[in-house]
Amino acid sequence: MGKTAATVVTYPWIVLKSRMQAAHGADAVVPEESYHGTLDAIVRTYRNDGIAGFYNGLRSKIAQSVLTAAILFVMKEKLLYYTRKLLLALAARRPNAAK
């Protein structure tokens, strides 16, 4: 849930960043249509697409973010499990130093 909330809050900035990079890139279709800064990108996005323009593609980004977080969490748990198992096996094989 935390990852989803963070994505929803930060997504408008991600959209603006990608639009500005695409407009200023070497393969920009119409160089005259590049943005003149962040404020210009905000104003033009709002004027052309409304509030929804800042959230285009949000569903796929949330799916990608949640899936990535889930995979990361599962991998961390598996790594922790097998590390503990290995350490216990190594400790069982070690001769007792107290004797």
Protein backbone atom coordinates (compact mmCIF):
# COMPACT_ATOMS: atom_id res chain seq x y z
CA MET A 1 0.00 0.00 0.00
CA GLY A 2 2.86 2.35 0.79
CA LYS A 3 4.43 1.87 -2.63
CA THR A 4 1.08 2.55 -4.31
CA ALA A 5 0.57 5.76 -2.33
CA ALA A 6 4.08 6.96 -3.12
CA THR A 7 3.57 6.26 -6.81
CA VAL A 8 0.27 8.16 -6.91
CA VAL A 9 1.85 11.17 -5.18
CA THR A 10 5.01 11.31 -7.31
CA TYR A 11 3.55 10.24 -10.66
CA PRO A 12 2.78 13.77 -11.96
CA TRP A 13 6.48 14.63 -11.63
CA ILE A 14 7.44 11.45 -13.46
CA VAL A 15 5.06 12.39 -16.30
CA LEU A 16 6.46 15.92 -16.51
CA LYS A 17 10.03 14.66 -16.48
CA SER A 18 9.39 12.20 -19.30
CA ARG A 19 7.54 14.78 -21.38
CA MET A 20 10.33 17.30 -20.95
CA GLN A 21 13.01 14.73 -21.80
CA ALA A 22 11.08 13.59 -24.88
CA ALA A 23 10.59 17.18 -26.05
CA HIS A 24 14.28 18.03 -25.61
CA GLY A 25 15.69 14.75 -26.87
CA ALA A 26 17.71 14.37 -30.04
CA ASP A 27 14.81 12.58 -31.72
CA ALA A 28 12.17 15.17 -30.80
CA VAL A 29 9.62 15.40 -33.59
CA VAL A 30 9.11 19.16 -33.49
CA PRO A 31 11.94 20.99 -31.68
CA GLU A 32 9.88 24.23 -31.53
CA GLU A 33 7.41 22.47 -29.24
CA SER A 34 9.96 21.87 -26.48
CA TYR A 35 9.19 23.14 -23.01
CA HIS A 36 10.80 26.26 -21.58
CA GLY A 37 11.06 24.87 -18.06
CA THR A 38 9.07 22.94 -15.51
CA LEU A 39 6.39 25.58 -15.05
CA ASP A 40 5.82 25.70 -18.81
CA ALA A 41 5.47 21.90 -18.86
CA ILE A 42 2.94 22.03 -16.00
CA VAL A 43 0.86 24.77 -17.62
CA ARG A 44 0.87 23.19 -21.09
CA THR A 45 0.06 19.71 -19.77
CA TYR A 46 -2.85 21.09 -17.74
CA ARG A 47 -4.08 23.23 -20.65
CA ASN A 48 -3.92 20.37 -23.19
CA ASP A 49 -4.95 17.37 -21.07
CA GLY A 50 -6.35 18.67 -17.78
CA ILE A 51 -5.58 17.01 -14.45
CA ALA A 52 -5.90 13.58 -16.10
CA GLY A 53 -2.85 14.43 -18.23
CA PHE A 54 -0.64 14.22 -15.16
CA TYR A 55 -1.85 10.66 -14.52
CA ASN A 56 -1.70 9.12 -18.02
CA GLY A 57 -0.32 5.60 -17.65
CA LEU A 58 -0.72 5.48 -13.86
CA ARG A 59 -2.37 2.03 -13.85
CA SER A 60 0.52 0.35 -15.60
CA LYS A 61 3.05 2.20 -13.42
CA ILE A 62 1.27 1.07 -10.24
CA ALA A 63 1.16 -2.51 -11.50
CA GLN A 64 4.87 -2.37 -12.32
CA SER A 65 5.78 -0.75 -8.99
CA VAL A 66 3.72 -3.15 -6.88
CA LEU A 67 5.00 -6.18 -8.76
CA THR A 68 8.60 -5.00 -8.35
CA ALA A 69 8.11 -4.41 -4.63
CA ALA A 70 6.50 -7.85 -4.22
CA ILE A 71 9.36 -9.60 -6.02
CA LEU A 72 11.90 -7.68 -3.95
CA PHE A 73 10.12 -8.63 -0.72
CA VAL A 74 9.91 -12.33 -1.64
CA MET A 75 13.57 -12.41 -2.66
CA LYS A 76 14.59 -10.76 0.62
CA GLU A 77 12.61 -13.31 2.62
CA LYS A 78 14.10 -16.25 0.66
CA LEU A 79 17.62 -14.86 1.07
CA LEU A 80 17.08 -14.45 4.81
CA TYR A 81 15.66 -17.99 5.12
CA TYR A 82 18.54 -19.66 3.27
CA THR A 83 21.17 -17.55 5.03
CA ARG A 84 19.82 -18.61 8.43
CA LYS A 85 19.65 -22.23 7.31
CA LEU A 86 23.27 -22.11 6.10
CA LEU A 87 24.51 -20.46 9.31
CA LEU A 88 22.72 -23.05 11.46
CA ALA A 89 24.21 -25.89 9.40
CA LEU A 90 27.70 -24.39 9.71
CA ALA A 91 27.28 -23.89 13.46
CA ALA A 92 26.17 -27.52 13.90
CA ARG A 93 29.29 -28.77 12.12
CA ARG A 94 31.70 -26.64 14.13
CA PRO A 95 33.37 -28.41 17.07
CA ASN A 96 32.35 -27.07 20.45
CA ALA A 97 35.13 -24.77 21.72
CA ALA A 98 33.93 -25.06 25.38
CA LYS A 99 35.10 -28.71 25.80
